[in-house]
């Protein structure tokens, strides 16, 4: 994943924060260094959810066994939720 992200040009510097002995350490890394299979799994879950895929189907693809765990993967803000509600047939 990191290889393909680097090739795609995801080179901007991102601040990463860690803690060691209660000391906050901030350093910069290229964005591609932070991308892995977990990123792909999370992105898929979010994009599938926003596309209207049923959560049970998303769970069967991602391997989640509990809806609570899946919902931690889905990163949806208030704007996306409002757009989904506005476009849902119930509100048409």
Protein backbone atom coordinates (compact mmCIF):
# COMPACT_ATOMS: atom_id res chain seq x y z
CA UNK A 1 0.00 0.00 0.00
CA UNK A 2 2.80 2.40 0.90
CA UNK A 3 4.51 1.73 -2.44
CA UNK A 4 1.39 2.59 -4.47
CA UNK A 5 0.60 5.61 -2.32
CA UNK A 6 4.14 6.92 -2.88
CA UNK A 7 3.85 6.36 -6.63
CA UNK A 8 0.54 8.24 -6.70
CA UNK A 9 2.26 11.31 -5.26
CA UNK A 10 1.07 11.26 -1.67
CA UNK A 11 4.30 12.88 -0.53
CA UNK A 12 3.10 15.86 1.51
CA UNK A 13 4.39 15.99 5.05
CA UNK A 14 1.98 15.01 7.82
CA UNK A 15 2.58 15.71 11.49
CA UNK A 16 2.57 12.61 13.65
CA UNK A 17 2.35 12.79 17.43
CA UNK A 18 3.63 10.18 19.84
CA UNK A 19 4.21 10.16 23.57
CA UNK A 20 7.23 8.85 25.41
CA UNK A 21 7.48 9.11 29.19
CA UNK A 22 4.64 11.68 29.24
CA UNK A 23 6.53 13.81 26.72
CA UNK A 24 4.74 14.81 23.53
CA UNK A 25 6.90 14.23 20.46
CA UNK A 26 5.86 15.73 17.12
CA UNK A 27 7.58 14.80 13.88
CA UNK A 28 6.78 14.89 10.19
CA UNK A 29 6.52 11.92 7.86
CA UNK A 30 5.48 11.62 4.21
CA UNK A 31 1.77 10.83 3.94
CA UNK A 32 2.44 7.55 2.11
CA UNK A 33 4.22 6.23 5.21
CA UNK A 34 0.91 6.35 7.11
CA UNK A 35 -1.10 4.37 4.57
CA UNK A 36 -1.62 0.63 4.95
CA UNK A 37 -4.20 -2.10 4.56
CA UNK A 38 -6.13 -0.73 7.55
CA UNK A 39 -6.52 2.56 5.64
CA UNK A 40 -7.95 0.68 2.64
CA UNK A 41 -10.37 -1.27 4.83
CA UNK A 42 -11.59 1.88 6.55
CA UNK A 43 -11.94 3.79 3.25
CA UNK A 44 -13.90 0.94 1.70
CA UNK A 45 -16.29 0.76 4.66
CA UNK A 46 -16.90 4.52 4.58
CA UNK A 47 -17.32 4.76 0.80
CA UNK A 48 -19.62 1.71 0.65
CA UNK A 49 -21.76 3.13 3.45
CA UNK A 50 -22.04 6.52 1.74
CA UNK A 51 -22.97 4.76 -1.51
CA UNK A 52 -25.94 3.17 0.27
CA UNK A 53 -24.61 -0.38 0.58
CA UNK A 54 -26.44 -2.23 3.37
CA UNK A 55 -24.36 -2.45 6.53
CA UNK A 56 -24.75 -6.24 6.71
CA UNK A 57 -23.21 -6.54 3.24
CA UNK A 58 -20.34 -4.23 4.22
CA UNK A 59 -19.79 -6.35 7.32
CA UNK A 60 -19.64 -9.53 5.26
CA UNK A 61 -16.98 -7.98 3.02
CA UNK A 62 -14.85 -6.38 5.74
CA UNK A 63 -15.14 -9.33 8.12
CA UNK A 64 -16.69 -7.38 11.00
CA UNK A 65 -18.92 -9.49 13.22
CA UNK A 66 -20.47 -6.67 15.26
CA UNK A 67 -22.15 -3.57 13.88
CA UNK A 68 -20.58 -1.49 16.67
CA UNK A 69 -17.10 -2.34 15.40
CA UNK A 70 -18.07 -1.55 11.80
CA UNK A 71 -19.44 1.84 12.82
CA UNK A 72 -16.04 2.71 14.33
CA UNK A 73 -14.57 2.18 10.86
CA UNK A 74 -17.12 4.34 9.07
CA UNK A 75 -15.97 7.96 9.15
CA UNK A 76 -19.04 10.02 8.33
CA UNK A 77 -19.53 13.63 9.37
CA UNK A 78 -22.71 15.63 9.83
CA UNK A 79 -22.52 16.99 6.28
CA UNK A 80 -22.47 13.50 4.75
CA UNK A 81 -25.32 12.40 6.99
CA UNK A 82 -27.38 15.46 6.00
CA UNK A 83 -26.76 14.76 2.30
CA UNK A 84 -27.78 11.13 2.76
CA UNK A 85 -30.98 12.18 4.53
CA UNK A 86 -31.81 14.78 1.88
CA UNK A 87 -31.39 12.23 -0.91
CA UNK A 88 -33.20 9.35 0.82
CA UNK A 89 -36.54 8.34 -0.76
CA UNK A 90 -38.28 8.67 2.62
CA UNK A 91 -37.77 12.44 2.50
CA UNK A 92 -38.66 12.91 -1.17
